[in-house]
Amino acid sequence: MDRILQTLINAAALYVAVLIVPNLDFIGEWWKLLVVAFIFGLVNTFLRPVLRILTLPITILTLGLFLLVINALMLFLTGLISAELELGFFVADFVAAFLGAIVISLVGTVLSMVIGTGRVARRAF
């Protein structure tokens, strides 16, 4: 159940990012956005931890700011996979991915706190 809620939160955060960030586009039905959110969750689940470990020295040197670059790369990769599967989610460039990752992180954190699921809720206890 937690995975379903996290996918819905990701879908809402992706939708808000598409509305706010230029060069971040989604064209298609709502269910395709759910598939994109699921792919985004899979990319973050399997690839992000590996990249965080590999880039730990750079992350320490930049006081954690390099994690924003990793988040942008995860969003950019999601856009590439979505384009390959013809799901209608497009990330034009790295700047759009960077800004979109910031928006998705903020919206996802707020929604997780409001709904009470995910990592934010687990930290409270």
PDB file of N, CA and C in Angstrom:
ATOM      1  N   MET A   1       0.817  -1.190   0.000  1.00  0.00           N
ATOM      2  CA  MET A   1       0.000   0.000   0.000  1.00  0.00           C
ATOM      3  C   MET A   1       0.869   1.266   0.000  1.00  0.00           C
ATOM      4  N   ASP A   2       1.990   1.185   0.708  1.00  0.00           N
ATOM      5  CA  ASP A   2       2.884   2.336   0.788  1.00  0.00           C
ATOM      6  C   ASP A   2       3.471   2.672  -0.582  1.00  0.00           C
ATOM      7  N   ARG A   3       3.764   1.647  -1.381  1.00  0.00           N
ATOM      8  CA  ARG A   3       4.319   1.867  -2.722  1.00  0.00           C
ATOM      9  C   ARG A   3       3.299   2.544  -3.626  1.00  0.00           C
ATOM     10  N   ILE A   4       2.036   2.192  -3.490  1.00  0.00           N
ATOM     11  CA  ILE A   4       0.985   2.815  -4.300  1.00  0.00           C
ATOM     12  C   ILE A   4       0.836   4.290  -3.936  1.00  0.00           C
ATOM     13  N   LEU A   5       0.830   4.580  -2.633  1.00  0.00           N
ATOM     14  CA  LEU A   5       0.732   5.976  -2.205  1.00  0.00           C
ATOM     15  C   LEU A   5       1.940   6.786  -2.657  1.00  0.00           C
ATOM     16  N   GLN A   6       3.120   6.180  -2.599  1.00  0.00           N
ATOM     17  CA  GLN A   6       4.318   6.890  -3.041  1.00  0.00           C
ATOM     18  C   GLN A   6       4.270   7.152  -4.546  1.00  0.00           C
ATOM     19  N   THR A   7       3.731   6.227  -5.315  1.00  0.00           N
ATOM     20  CA  THR A   7       3.582   6.439  -6.750  1.00  0.00           C
ATOM     21  C   THR A   7       2.589   7.564  -7.036  1.00  0.00           C
ATOM     22  N   LEU A   8       1.503   7.623  -6.279  1.00  0.00           N
ATOM     23  CA  LEU A   8       0.535   8.708  -6.445  1.00  0.00           C
ATOM     24  C   LEU A   8       1.142  10.059  -6.058  1.00  0.00           C
ATOM     25  N   ILE A   9       1.944  10.072  -5.008  1.00  0.00           N
ATOM     26  CA  ILE A   9       2.627  11.307  -4.614  1.00  0.00           C
ATOM     27  C   ILE A   9       3.609  11.734  -5.688  1.00  0.00           C
ATOM     28  N   ASN A  10       4.365  10.769  -6.238  1.00  0.00           N
ATOM     29  CA  ASN A  10       5.290  11.080  -7.332  1.00  0.00           C
ATOM     30  C   ASN A  10       4.544  11.629  -8.547  1.00  0.00           C
ATOM     31  N   ALA A  11       3.389  11.037  -8.854  1.00  0.00           N
ATOM     32  CA  ALA A  11       2.606  11.512  -9.999  1.00  0.00           C
ATOM     33  C   ALA A  11       2.137  12.942  -9.776  1.00  0.00           C
ATOM     34  N   ALA A  12       1.679  13.243  -8.579  1.00  0.00           N
ATOM     35  CA  ALA A  12       1.236  14.612  -8.282  1.00  0.00           C
ATOM     36  C   ALA A  12       2.410  15.583  -8.345  1.00  0.00           C
ATOM     37  N   ALA A  13       3.560  15.172  -7.811  1.00  0.00           N
ATOM     38  CA  ALA A  13       4.742  16.035  -7.840  1.00  0.00           C
ATOM     39  C   ALA A  13       5.231  16.248  -9.273  1.00  0.00           C
ATOM     40  N   LEU A  14       5.194  15.209 -10.085  1.00  0.00           N
ATOM     41  CA  LEU A  14       5.569  15.345 -11.495  1.00  0.00           C
ATOM     42  C   LEU A  14       4.616  16.290 -12.213  1.00  0.00           C
ATOM     43  N   TYR A  15       3.335  16.183 -11.913  1.00  0.00           N
ATOM     44  CA  TYR A  15       2.342  17.053 -12.552  1.00  0.00           C
ATOM     45  C   TYR A  15       2.574  18.521 -12.185  1.00  0.00           C
ATOM     46  N   VAL A  16       2.854  18.781 -10.918  1.00  0.00           N
ATOM     47  CA  VAL A  16       3.133  20.158 -10.488  1.00  0.00           C
ATOM     48  C   VAL A  16       4.398  20.673 -11.165  1.00  0.00           C
ATOM     49  N   ALA A  17       5.406  19.820 -11.269  1.00  0.00           N
ATOM     50  CA  ALA A  17       6.655  20.229 -11.931  1.00  0.00           C
ATOM     51  C   ALA A  17       6.422  20.544 -13.405  1.00  0.00           C
ATOM     52  N   VAL A  18       5.578  19.759 -14.055  1.00  0.00           N
ATOM     53  CA  VAL A  18       5.261  20.017 -15.466  1.00  0.00           C
ATOM     54  C   VAL A  18       4.550  21.358 -15.612  1.00  0.00           C
ATOM     55  N   LEU A  19       3.695  21.695 -14.659  1.00  0.00           N
ATOM     56  CA  LEU A  19       2.980  22.972 -14.709  1.00  0.00           C
ATOM     57  C   LEU A  19       3.899  24.166 -14.466  1.00  0.00           C
ATOM     58  N   ILE A  20       4.896  24.006 -13.600  1.00  0.00           N
ATOM     59  CA  ILE A  20       5.728  25.130 -13.178  1.00  0.00           C
ATOM     60  C   ILE A  20       6.980  25.308 -14.030  1.00  0.00           C
ATOM     61  N   VAL A  21       7.663  24.223 -14.341  1.00  0.00           N
ATOM     62  CA  VAL A  21       8.991  24.289 -14.958  1.00  0.00           C
ATOM     63  C   VAL A  21       8.865  24.316 -16.486  1.00  0.00           C
ATOM     64  N   PRO A  22       9.466  25.332 -17.133  1.00  0.00           N
ATOM     65  CA  PRO A  22       9.484  25.326 -18.601  1.00  0.00           C
ATOM     66  C   PRO A  22      10.403  24.216 -19.119  1.00  0.00           C
ATOM     67  N   ASN A  23      10.117  23.716 -20.291  1.00  0.00           N
ATOM     68  CA  ASN A  23      10.864  22.641 -20.956  1.00  0.00           C
ATOM     69  C   ASN A  23      10.714  21.293 -20.264  1.00  0.00           C
ATOM     70  N   LEU A  24       9.750  21.188 -19.385  1.00  0.00           N
ATOM     71  CA  LEU A  24       9.376  19.914 -18.778  1.00  0.00           C
ATOM     72  C   LEU A  24       7.926  19.696 -19.178  1.00  0.00           C
ATOM     73  N   ASP A  25       7.679  18.730 -20.066  1.00  0.00           N
ATOM     74  CA  ASP A  25       6.358  18.601 -20.678  1.00  0.00           C
ATOM     75  C   ASP A  25       5.791  17.205 -20.506  1.00  0.00           C
ATOM     76  N   PHE A  26       4.473  17.149 -20.397  1.00  0.00           N
ATOM     77  CA  PHE A  26       3.753  15.887 -20.408  1.00  0.00           C
ATOM     78  C   PHE A  26       2.560  16.035 -21.326  1.00  0.00           C
ATOM     79  N   ILE A  27       2.458  15.110 -22.279  1.00  0.00           N
ATOM     80  CA  ILE A  27       1.348  15.089 -23.216  1.00  0.00           C
ATOM     81  C   ILE A  27       0.794  13.676 -23.211  1.00  0.00           C
ATOM     82  N   GLY A  28      -0.454  13.533 -22.790  1.00  0.00           N
ATOM     83  CA  GLY A  28      -1.038  12.203 -22.780  1.00  0.00           C
ATOM     84  C   GLY A  28      -2.127  12.075 -21.739  1.00  0.00           C
ATOM     85  N   GLU A  29      -2.605  10.851 -21.584  1.00  0.00           N
ATOM     86  CA  GLU A  29      -3.651  10.558 -20.623  1.00  0.00           C
ATOM     87  C   GLU A  29      -3.063  10.477 -19.221  1.00  0.00           C
ATOM     88  N   TRP A  30      -3.953  10.566 -18.225  1.00  0.00           N
ATOM     89  CA  TRP A  30      -3.523  10.573 -16.833  1.00  0.00           C
ATOM     90  C   TRP A  30      -2.841   9.276 -16.424  1.00  0.00           C
ATOM     91  N   TRP A  31      -3.259   8.145 -16.994  1.00  0.00           N
ATOM     92  CA  TRP A  31      -2.674   6.877 -16.592  1.00  0.00           C
ATOM     93  C   TRP A  31      -1.219   6.767 -17.042  1.00  0.00           C
ATOM     94  N   LYS A  32      -0.875   7.476 -18.124  1.00  0.00           N
ATOM     95  CA  LYS A  32       0.524   7.469 -18.557  1.00  0.00           C
ATOM     96  C   LYS A  32       1.404   8.212 -17.557  1.00  0.00           C
ATOM     97  N   LEU A  33       0.844   9.236 -16.922  1.00  0.00           N
ATOM     98  CA  LEU A  33       1.601   9.937 -15.880  1.00  0.00           C
ATOM     99  C   LEU A  33       1.834   9.014 -14.684  1.00  0.00           C
ATOM    100  N   LEU A  34       0.883   8.153 -14.384  1.00  0.00           N
ATOM    101  CA  LEU A  34       1.086   7.168 -13.317  1.00  0.00           C
ATOM    102  C   LEU A  34       2.203   6.186 -13.674  1.00  0.00           C
ATOM    103  N   VAL A  35       2.278   5.800 -14.937  1.00  0.00           N
ATOM    104  CA  VAL A  35       3.358   4.906 -15.382  1.00  0.00           C
ATOM    105  C   VAL A  35       4.699   5.627 -15.282  1.00  0.00           C
ATOM    106  N   VAL A  36       4.739   6.902 -15.668  1.00  0.00           N
ATOM    107  CA  VAL A  36       5.970   7.693 -15.558  1.00  0.00           C
ATOM    108  C   VAL A  36       6.373   7.810 -14.090  1.00  0.00           C
ATOM    109  N   ALA A  37       5.409   8.029 -13.205  1.00  0.00           N
ATOM    110  CA  ALA A  37       5.703   8.121 -11.773  1.00  0.00           C
ATOM    111  C   ALA A  37       6.238   6.795 -11.244  1.00  0.00           C
ATOM    112  N   PHE A  38       5.705   5.689 -11.729  1.00  0.00           N
ATOM    113  CA  PHE A  38       6.206   4.371 -11.324  1.00  0.00           C
ATOM    114  C   PHE A  38       7.645   4.174 -11.798  1.00  0.00           C
ATOM    115  N   ILE A  39       7.923   4.569 -13.033  1.00  0.00           N
ATOM    116  CA  ILE A  39       9.291   4.477 -13.562  1.00  0.00           C
ATOM    117  C   ILE A  39      10.231   5.367 -12.758  1.00  0.00           C
ATOM    118  N   PHE A  40       9.770   6.570 -12.429  1.00  0.00           N
ATOM    119  CA  PHE A  40      10.565   7.491 -11.616  1.00  0.00           C
ATOM    120  C   PHE A  40      10.887   6.868 -10.256  1.00  0.00           C
ATOM    121  N   GLY A  41       9.918   6.194  -9.668  1.00  0.00           N
ATOM    122  CA  GLY A  41      10.138   5.504  -8.401  1.00  0.00           C
ATOM    123  C   GLY A  41      11.135   4.370  -8.527  1.00  0.00           C
ATOM    124  N   LEU A  42      11.045   3.607  -9.618  1.00  0.00           N
ATOM    125  CA  LEU A  42      11.994   2.511  -9.840  1.00  0.00           C
ATOM    126  C   LEU A  42      13.418   3.023 -10.044  1.00  0.00           C
ATOM    127  N   VAL A  43      13.548   4.087 -10.829  1.00  0.00           N
ATOM    128  CA  VAL A  43      14.875   4.668 -11.064  1.00  0.00           C
ATOM    129  C   VAL A  43      15.464   5.161  -9.752  1.00  0.00           C
ATOM    130  N   ASN A  44      14.645   5.826  -8.945  1.00  0.00           N
ATOM    131  CA  ASN A  44      15.128   6.321  -7.657  1.00  0.00           C
ATOM    132  C   ASN A  44      15.432   5.196  -6.670  1.00  0.00           C
ATOM    133  N   THR A  45      14.695   4.103  -6.768  1.00  0.00           N
ATOM    134  CA  THR A  45      14.914   2.989  -5.853  1.00  0.00           C
ATOM    135  C   THR A  45      16.194   2.234  -6.162  1.00  0.00           C
ATOM    136  N   PHE A  46      16.467   1.986  -7.439  1.00  0.00           N
ATOM    137  CA  PHE A  46      17.590   1.125  -7.794  1.00  0.00           C
ATOM    138  C   PHE A  46      18.859   1.874  -8.189  1.00  0.00           C
ATOM    139  N   LEU A  47      18.744   2.980  -8.875  1.00  0.00           N
ATOM    140  CA  LEU A  47      19.927   3.669  -9.396  1.00  0.00           C
ATOM    141  C   LEU A  47      20.465   4.743  -8.459  1.00  0.00           C
ATOM    142  N   ARG A  48      19.576   5.462  -7.819  1.00  0.00           N
ATOM    143  CA  ARG A  48      19.993   6.586  -6.971  1.00  0.00           C
ATOM    144  C   ARG A  48      20.928   6.162  -5.831  1.00  0.00           C
ATOM    145  N   PRO A  49      20.665   5.064  -5.116  1.00  0.00           N
ATOM    146  CA  PRO A  49      21.597   4.680  -4.046  1.00  0.00           C
ATOM    147  C   PRO A  49      23.002   4.360  -4.557  1.00  0.00           C
ATOM    148  N   VAL A  50      23.088   3.745  -5.715  1.00  0.00           N
ATOM    149  CA  VAL A  50      24.395   3.428  -6.290  1.00  0.00           C
ATOM    150  C   VAL A  50      25.149   4.707  -6.631  1.00  0.00           C
ATOM    151  N   LEU A  51      24.458   5.657  -7.246  1.00  0.00           N
ATOM    152  CA  LEU A  51      25.092   6.935  -7.578  1.00  0.00           C
ATOM    153  C   LEU A  51      25.483   7.727  -6.334  1.00  0.00           C
ATOM    154  N   ARG A  52      24.688   7.636  -5.296  1.00  0.00           N
ATOM    155  CA  ARG A  52      25.026   8.345  -4.058  1.00  0.00           C
ATOM    156  C   ARG A  52      26.311   7.795  -3.446  1.00  0.00           C
ATOM    157  N   ILE A  53      26.483   6.492  -3.502  1.00  0.00           N
ATOM    158  CA  ILE A  53      27.705   5.894  -2.962  1.00  0.00           C
ATOM    159  C   ILE A  53      28.905   6.242  -3.836  1.00  0.00           C
ATOM    160  N   LEU A  54      28.738   6.143  -5.150  1.00  0.00           N
ATOM    161  CA  LEU A  54      29.851   6.436  -6.057  1.00  0.00           C
ATOM    162  C   LEU A  54      30.294   7.895  -6.011  1.00  0.00           C
ATOM    163  N   THR A  55      29.355   8.787  -5.745  1.00  0.00           N
ATOM    164  CA  THR A  55      29.683  10.215  -5.741  1.00  0.00           C
ATOM    165  C   THR A  55      29.809  10.782  -4.330  1.00  0.00           C
ATOM    166  N   LEU A  56      30.002   9.930  -3.348  1.00  0.00           N
ATOM    167  CA  LEU A  56      30.100  10.391  -1.969  1.00  0.00           C
ATOM    168  C   LEU A  56      31.208  11.418  -1.751  1.00  0.00           C
ATOM    169  N   PRO A  57      32.411  11.250  -2.305  1.00  0.00           N
ATOM    170  CA  PRO A  57      33.433  12.287  -2.103  1.00  0.00           C
ATOM    171  C   PRO A  57      33.029  13.655  -2.662  1.00  0.00           C
ATOM    172  N   ILE A  58      32.418  13.674  -3.833  1.00  0.00           N
ATOM    173  CA  ILE A  58      31.974  14.939  -4.421  1.00  0.00           C
ATOM    174  C   ILE A  58      30.851  15.543  -3.580  1.00  0.00           C
ATOM    175  N   THR A  59      29.966  14.693  -3.094  1.00  0.00           N
ATOM    176  CA  THR A  59      28.864  15.167  -2.266  1.00  0.00           C
ATOM    177  C   THR A  59      29.381  15.789  -0.973  1.00  0.00           C
ATOM    178  N   ILE A  60      30.391  15.188  -0.385  1.00  0.00           N
ATOM    179  CA  ILE A  60      30.982  15.746   0.838  1.00  0.00           C
ATOM    180  C   ILE A  60      31.657  17.078   0.541  1.00  0.00           C
ATOM    181  N   LEU A  61      32.393  17.145  -0.568  1.00  0.00           N
ATOM    182  CA  LEU A  61      33.079  18.392  -0.915  1.00  0.00           C
ATOM    183  C   LEU A  61      32.107  19.539  -1.191  1.00  0.00           C
ATOM    184  N   THR A  62      30.960  19.221  -1.740  1.00  0.00           N
ATOM    185  CA  THR A  62      29.980  20.272  -2.058  1.00  0.00           C
ATOM    186  C   THR A  62      28.942  20.440  -0.953  1.00  0.00           C
ATOM    187  N   LEU A  63      29.186  19.809   0.188  1.00  0.00           N
ATOM    188  CA  LEU A  63      28.290  19.885   1.341  1.00  0.00           C
ATOM    189  C   LEU A  63      26.868  19.427   1.014  1.00  0.00           C
ATOM    190  N   GLY A  64      26.757  18.419   0.184  1.00  0.00           N
ATOM    191  CA  GLY A  64      25.470  17.827  -0.138  1.00  0.00           C
ATOM    192  C   GLY A  64      24.761  18.417  -1.343  1.00  0.00           C
ATOM    193  N   LEU A  65      25.293  19.494  -1.898  1.00  0.00           N
ATOM    194  CA  LEU A  65      24.622  20.115  -3.047  1.00  0.00           C
ATOM    195  C   LEU A  65      24.662  19.243  -4.295  1.00  0.00           C
ATOM    196  N   PHE A  66      25.626  18.344  -4.373  1.00  0.00           N
ATOM    197  CA  PHE A  66      25.705  17.460  -5.538  1.00  0.00           C
ATOM    198  C   PHE A  66      24.520  16.507  -5.597  1.00  0.00           C
ATOM    199  N   LEU A  67      23.837  16.299  -4.471  1.00  0.00           N
ATOM    200  CA  LEU A  67      22.636  15.457  -4.478  1.00  0.00           C
ATOM    201  C   LEU A  67      21.552  16.044  -5.371  1.00  0.00           C
ATOM    202  N   LEU A  68      21.527  17.368  -5.518  1.00  0.00           N
ATOM    203  CA  LEU A  68      20.585  17.990  -6.455  1.00  0.00           C
ATOM    204  C   LEU A  68      20.889  17.589  -7.889  1.00  0.00           C
ATOM    205  N   VAL A  69      22.169  17.458  -8.204  1.00  0.00           N
ATOM    206  CA  VAL A  69      22.570  17.021  -9.545  1.00  0.00           C
ATOM    207  C   VAL A  69      22.145  15.572  -9.761  1.00  0.00           C
ATOM    208  N   ILE A  70      22.310  14.730  -8.744  1.00  0.00           N
ATOM    209  CA  ILE A  70      21.885  13.331  -8.860  1.00  0.00           C
ATOM    210  C   ILE A  70      20.375  13.253  -9.065  1.00  0.00           C
ATOM    211  N   ASN A  71      19.615  14.056  -8.313  1.00  0.00           N
ATOM    212  CA  ASN A  71      18.158  14.084  -8.496  1.00  0.00           C
ATOM    213  C   ASN A  71      17.785  14.522  -9.905  1.00  0.00           C
ATOM    214  N   ALA A  72      18.501  15.511 -10.426  1.00  0.00           N
ATOM    215  CA  ALA A  72      18.241  15.976 -11.795  1.00  0.00           C
ATOM    216  C   ALA A  72      18.550  14.874 -12.805  1.00  0.00           C
ATOM    217  N   LEU A  73      19.629  14.145 -12.579  1.00  0.00           N
ATOM    218  CA  LEU A  73      19.969  13.038 -13.484  1.00  0.00           C
ATOM    219  C   LEU A  73      18.907  11.938 -13.455  1.00  0.00           C
ATOM    220  N   MET A  74      18.329  11.679 -12.289  1.00  0.00           N
ATOM    221  CA  MET A  74      17.269  10.670 -12.181  1.00  0.00           C
ATOM    222  C   MET A  74      16.026  11.114 -12.961  1.00  0.00           C
ATOM    223  N   LEU A  75      15.705  12.404 -12.874  1.00  0.00           N
ATOM    224  CA  LEU A  75      14.561  12.920 -13.629  1.00  0.00           C
ATOM    225  C   LEU A  75      14.849  12.904 -15.126  1.00  0.00           C
ATOM    226  N   PHE A  76      16.065  13.263 -15.512  1.00  0.00           N
ATOM    227  CA  PHE A  76      16.448  13.244 -16.921  1.00  0.00           C
ATOM    228  C   PHE A  76      16.389  11.819 -17.471  1.00  0.00           C
ATOM    229  N   LEU A  77      16.865  10.848 -16.692  1.00  0.00           N
ATOM    230  CA  LEU A  77      16.801   9.445 -17.109  1.00  0.00           C
ATOM    231  C   LEU A  77      15.356   8.974 -17.232  1.00  0.00           C
ATOM    232  N   THR A  78      14.508   9.420 -16.316  1.00  0.00           N
ATOM    233  CA  THR A  78      13.081   9.078 -16.406  1.00  0.00           C
ATOM    234  C   THR A  78      12.484   9.643 -17.692  1.00  0.00           C
ATOM    235  N   GLY A  79      12.884  10.848 -18.054  1.00  0.00           N
ATOM    236  CA  GLY A  79      12.420  11.437 -19.310  1.00  0.00           C
ATOM    237  C   GLY A  79      12.881  10.647 -20.521  1.00  0.00           C
ATOM    238  N   LEU A  80      14.127  10.166 -20.487  1.00  0.00           N
ATOM    239  CA  LEU A  80      14.632   9.362 -21.606  1.00  0.00           C
ATOM    240  C   LEU A  80      13.881   8.035 -21.729  1.00  0.00           C
ATOM    241  N   ILE A  81      13.648   7.385 -20.600  1.00  0.00           N
ATOM    242  CA  ILE A  81      12.898   6.124 -20.618  1.00  0.00           C
ATOM    243  C   ILE A  81      11.473   6.366 -21.088  1.00  0.00           C
ATOM    244  N   SER A  82      10.858   7.437 -20.618  1.00  0.00           N
ATOM    245  CA  SER A  82       9.497   7.772 -21.018  1.00  0.00           C
ATOM    246  C   SER A  82       9.406   8.058 -22.511  1.00  0.00           C
ATOM    247  N   ALA A  83      10.394   8.752 -23.041  1.00  0.00           N
ATOM    248  CA  ALA A  83      10.407   9.031 -24.482  1.00  0.00           C
ATOM    249  C   ALA A  83      10.567   7.741 -25.281  1.00  0.00           C
ATOM    250  N   GLU A  84      11.389   6.843 -24.767  1.00  0.00           N
ATOM    251  CA  GLU A  84      11.601   5.564 -25.451  1.00  0.00           C
ATOM    252  C   GLU A  84      10.324   4.711 -25.449  1.00  0.00           C
ATOM    253  N   LEU A  85       9.573   4.780 -24.350  1.00  0.00           N
ATOM    254  CA  LEU A  85       8.324   4.015 -24.248  1.00  0.00           C
ATOM    255  C   LEU A  85       7.118   4.782 -24.770  1.00  0.00           C
ATOM    256  N   GLU A  86       7.347   6.001 -25.285  1.00  0.00           N
ATOM    257  CA  GLU A  86       6.307   6.860 -25.836  1.00  0.00           C
ATOM    258  C   GLU A  86       5.179   7.124 -24.834  1.00  0.00           C
ATOM    259  N   LEU A  87       5.576   7.542 -23.623  1.00  0.00           N
ATOM    260  CA  LEU A  87       4.607   7.844 -22.571  1.00  0.00           C
ATOM    261  C   LEU A  87       4.220   9.309 -22.529  1.00  0.00           C
ATOM    262  N   GLY A  88       4.928  10.161 -23.253  1.00  0.00           N
ATOM    263  CA  GLY A  88       4.557  11.564 -23.348  1.00  0.00           C
ATOM    264  C   GLY A  88       5.213  12.488 -22.344  1.00  0.00           C
ATOM    265  N   PHE A  89       6.194  12.011 -21.584  1.00  0.00           N
ATOM    266  CA  PHE A  89       6.900  12.855 -20.628  1.00  0.00           C
ATOM    267  C   PHE A  89       8.260  13.210 -21.217  1.00  0.00           C
ATOM    268  N   PHE A  90       8.535  14.525 -21.327  1.00  0.00           N
ATOM    269  CA  PHE A  90       9.757  14.978 -21.974  1.00  0.00           C
ATOM    270  C   PHE A  90      10.513  15.954 -21.085  1.00  0.00           C
ATOM    271  N   VAL A  91      11.800  15.746 -20.981  1.00  0.00           N
ATOM    272  CA  VAL A  91      12.693  16.666 -20.285  1.00  0.00           C
ATOM    273  C   VAL A  91      13.644  17.210 -21.345  1.00  0.00           C
ATOM    274  N   ALA A  92      13.560  18.507 -21.626  1.00  0.00           N
ATOM    275  CA  ALA A  92      14.290  19.092 -22.745  1.00  0.00           C
ATOM    276  C   ALA A  92      15.783  19.197 -22.489  1.00  0.00           C
ATOM    277  N   ASP A  93      16.171  19.626 -21.289  1.00  0.00           N
ATOM    278  CA  ASP A  93      17.590  19.833 -21.018  1.00  0.00           C
ATOM    279  C   ASP A  93      17.869  19.646 -19.533  1.00  0.00           C
ATOM    280  N   PHE A  94      19.146  19.787 -19.165  1.00  0.00           N
ATOM    281  CA  PHE A  94      19.544  19.556 -17.783  1.00  0.00           C
ATOM    282  C   PHE A  94      18.984  20.619 -16.846  1.00  0.00           C
ATOM    283  N   VAL A  95      18.872  21.848 -17.320  1.00  0.00           N
ATOM    284  CA  VAL A  95      18.325  22.909 -16.467  1.00  0.00           C
ATOM    285  C   VAL A  95      16.877  22.591 -16.102  1.00  0.00           C
ATOM    286  N   ALA A  96      16.109  22.130 -17.049  1.00  0.00           N
ATOM    287  CA  ALA A  96      14.722  21.740 -16.766  1.00  0.00           C
ATOM    288  C   ALA A  96      14.689  20.575 -15.787  1.00  0.00           C
ATOM    289  N   ALA A  97      15.591  19.625 -15.960  1.00  0.00           N
ATOM    290  CA  ALA A  97      15.658  18.490 -15.040  1.00  0.00           C
ATOM    291  C   ALA A  97      16.050  18.954 -13.639  1.00  0.00           C
ATOM    292  N   PHE A  98      16.985  19.885 -13.546  1.00  0.00           N
ATOM    293  CA  PHE A  98      17.445  20.395 -12.260  1.00  0.00           C
ATOM    294  C   PHE A  98      16.318  21.127 -11.528  1.00  0.00           C
ATOM    295  N   LEU A  99      15.654  22.038 -12.221  1.00  0.00           N
ATOM    296  CA  LEU A  99      14.548  22.768 -11.613  1.00  0.00           C
ATOM    297  C   LEU A  99      13.372  21.840 -11.295  1.00  0.00           C
ATOM    298  N   GLY A 100      13.104  20.899 -12.201  1.00  0.00           N
ATOM    299  CA  GLY A 100      12.036  19.935 -11.966  1.00  0.00           C
ATOM    300  C   GLY A 100      12.317  19.050 -10.768  1.00  0.00           C
ATOM    301  N   ALA A 101      13.569  18.651 -10.581  1.00  0.00           N
ATOM    302  CA  ALA A 101      13.929  17.829  -9.433  1.00  0.00           C
ATOM    303  C   ALA A 101      13.721  18.585  -8.128  1.00  0.00           C
ATOM    304  N   ILE A 102      14.014  19.874  -8.134  1.00  0.00           N
ATOM    305  CA  ILE A 102      13.795  20.682  -6.928  1.00  0.00           C
ATOM    306  C   ILE A 102      12.300  20.767  -6.621  1.00  0.00           C
ATOM    307  N   VAL A 103      11.501  21.045  -7.645  1.00  0.00           N
ATOM    308  CA  VAL A 103      10.042  21.140  -7.448  1.00  0.00           C
ATOM    309  C   VAL A 103       9.480  19.799  -6.988  1.00  0.00           C
ATOM    310  N   ILE A 104       9.907  18.712  -7.609  1.00  0.00           N
ATOM    311  CA  ILE A 104       9.404  17.381  -7.243  1.00  0.00           C
ATOM    312  C   ILE A 104       9.786  17.040  -5.810  1.00  0.00           C
ATOM    313  N   SER A 105      10.995  17.376  -5.407  1.00  0.00           N
ATOM    314  CA  SER A 105      11.414  17.111  -4.032  1.00  0.00           C
ATOM    315  C   SER A 105      10.568  17.879  -3.027  1.00  0.00           C
ATOM    316  N   LEU A 106      10.339  19.158  -3.310  1.00  0.00           N
ATOM    317  CA  LEU A 106       9.545  19.979  -2.395  1.00  0.00           C
ATOM    318  C   LEU A 106       8.094  19.514  -2.314  1.00  0.00           C
ATOM    319  N   VAL A 107       7.486  19.306  -3.467  1.00  0.00           N
ATOM    320  CA  VAL A 107       6.077  18.882  -3.492  1.00  0.00           C
ATOM    321  C   VAL A 107       5.932  17.486  -2.887  1.00  0.00           C
ATOM    322  N   GLY A 108       6.850  16.586  -3.215  1.00  0.00           N
ATOM    323  CA  GLY A 108       6.803  15.233  -2.664  1.00  0.00           C
ATOM    324  C   GLY A 108       6.945  15.218  -1.151  1.00  0.00           C
ATOM    325  N   THR A 109       7.830  16.058  -0.627  1.00  0.00           N
ATOM    326  CA  THR A 109       8.008  16.130   0.825  1.00  0.00           C
ATOM    327  C   THR A 109       6.762  16.676   1.508  1.00  0.00           C
ATOM    328  N   VAL A 110       6.198  17.738   0.950  1.00  0.00           N
ATOM    329  CA  VAL A 110       4.988  18.321   1.541  1.00  0.00           C
ATOM    330  C   VAL A 110       3.829  17.325   1.491  1.00  0.00           C
ATOM    331  N   LEU A 111       3.632  16.673   0.361  1.00  0.00           N
ATOM    332  CA  LEU A 111       2.538  15.699   0.255  1.00  0.00           C
ATOM    333  C   LEU A 111       2.752  14.512   1.182  1.00  0.00           C
ATOM    334  N   SER A 112       3.976  14.063   1.340  1.00  0.00           N
ATOM    335  CA  SER A 112       4.261  12.954   2.254  1.00  0.00           C
ATOM    336  C   SER A 112       3.961  13.347   3.698  1.00  0.00           C
ATOM    337  N   MET A 113       4.276  14.595   4.055  1.00  0.00           N
ATOM    338  CA  MET A 113       3.968  15.058   5.414  1.00  0.00           C
ATOM    339  C   MET A 113       2.462  15.165   5.624  1.00  0.00           C
ATOM    340  N   VAL A 114       1.741  15.659   4.620  1.00  0.00           N
ATOM    341  CA  VAL A 114       0.297  15.828   4.752  1.00  0.00           C
ATOM    342  C   VAL A 114      -0.404  14.481   4.819  1.00  0.00           C
ATOM    343  N   ILE A 115      -0.028  13.570   3.930  1.00  0.00           N
ATOM    344  CA  ILE A 115      -0.670  12.258   3.880  1.00  0.00           C
ATOM    345  C   ILE A 115      -0.174  11.362   5.012  1.00  0.00           C
ATOM    346  N   GLY A 116       1.079  11.537   5.401  1.00  0.00           N
ATOM    347  CA  GLY A 116       1.629  10.743   6.497  1.00  0.00           C
ATOM    348  C   GLY A 116       2.218   9.418   6.055  1.00  0.00           C
ATOM    349  N   THR A 117       2.799   9.393   4.861  1.00  0.00           N
ATOM    350  CA  THR A 117       3.422   8.167   4.374  1.00  0.00           C
ATOM    351  C   THR A 117       4.875   8.443   4.036  1.00  0.00           C
ATOM    352  N   GLY A 118       5.581   7.383   3.710  1.00  0.00           N
ATOM    353  CA  GLY A 118       6.943   7.509   3.203  1.00  0.00           C
ATOM    354  C   GLY A 118       7.964   7.775   4.288  1.00  0.00           C
ATOM    355  N   ARG A 119       9.114   8.232   3.864  1.00  0.00           N
ATOM    356  CA  ARG A 119      10.243   8.445   4.747  1.00  0.00           C
ATOM    357  C   ARG A 119       9.976   9.542   5.767  1.00  0.00           C
ATOM    358  N   VAL A 120       9.225  10.559   5.384  1.00  0.00           N
ATOM    359  CA  VAL A 120       8.975  11.670   6.289  1.00  0.00           C
ATOM    360  C   VAL A 120       8.183  11.195   7.509  1.00  0.00           C
ATOM    361  N   ALA A 121       7.178  10.356   7.302  1.00  0.00           N
ATOM    362  CA  ALA A 121       6.373   9.851   8.405  1.00  0.00           C
ATOM    363  C   ALA A 121       7.186   8.911   9.286  1.00  0.00           C
ATOM    364  N   ARG A 122       8.071   8.126   8.694  1.00  0.00           N
ATOM    365  CA  ARG A 122       8.877   7.185   9.478  1.00  0.00           C
ATOM    366  C   ARG A 122       9.893   7.909  10.345  1.00  0.00           C
ATOM    367  N   ARG A 123      10.366   9.055   9.915  1.00  0.00           N
ATOM    368  CA  ARG A 123      11.328   9.822  10.707  1.00  0.00           C
ATOM    369  C   ARG A 123      10.688  10.391  11.967  1.00  0.00           C
ATOM    370  N   ALA A 124       9.393  10.622  11.936  1.00  0.00           N
ATOM    371  CA  ALA A 124       8.725  11.237  13.070  1.00  0.00           C
ATOM    372  C   ALA A 124       8.669  10.295  14.272  1.00  0.00           C
ATOM    373  N   PHE A 125       8.740   9.008  14.045  1.00  0.00           N
ATOM    374  CA  PHE A 125       8.630   8.051  15.134  1.00  0.00           C
ATOM    375  C   PHE A 125       9.946   7.502  15.515  1.00  0.00           C
TER     376      PHE A 125
END
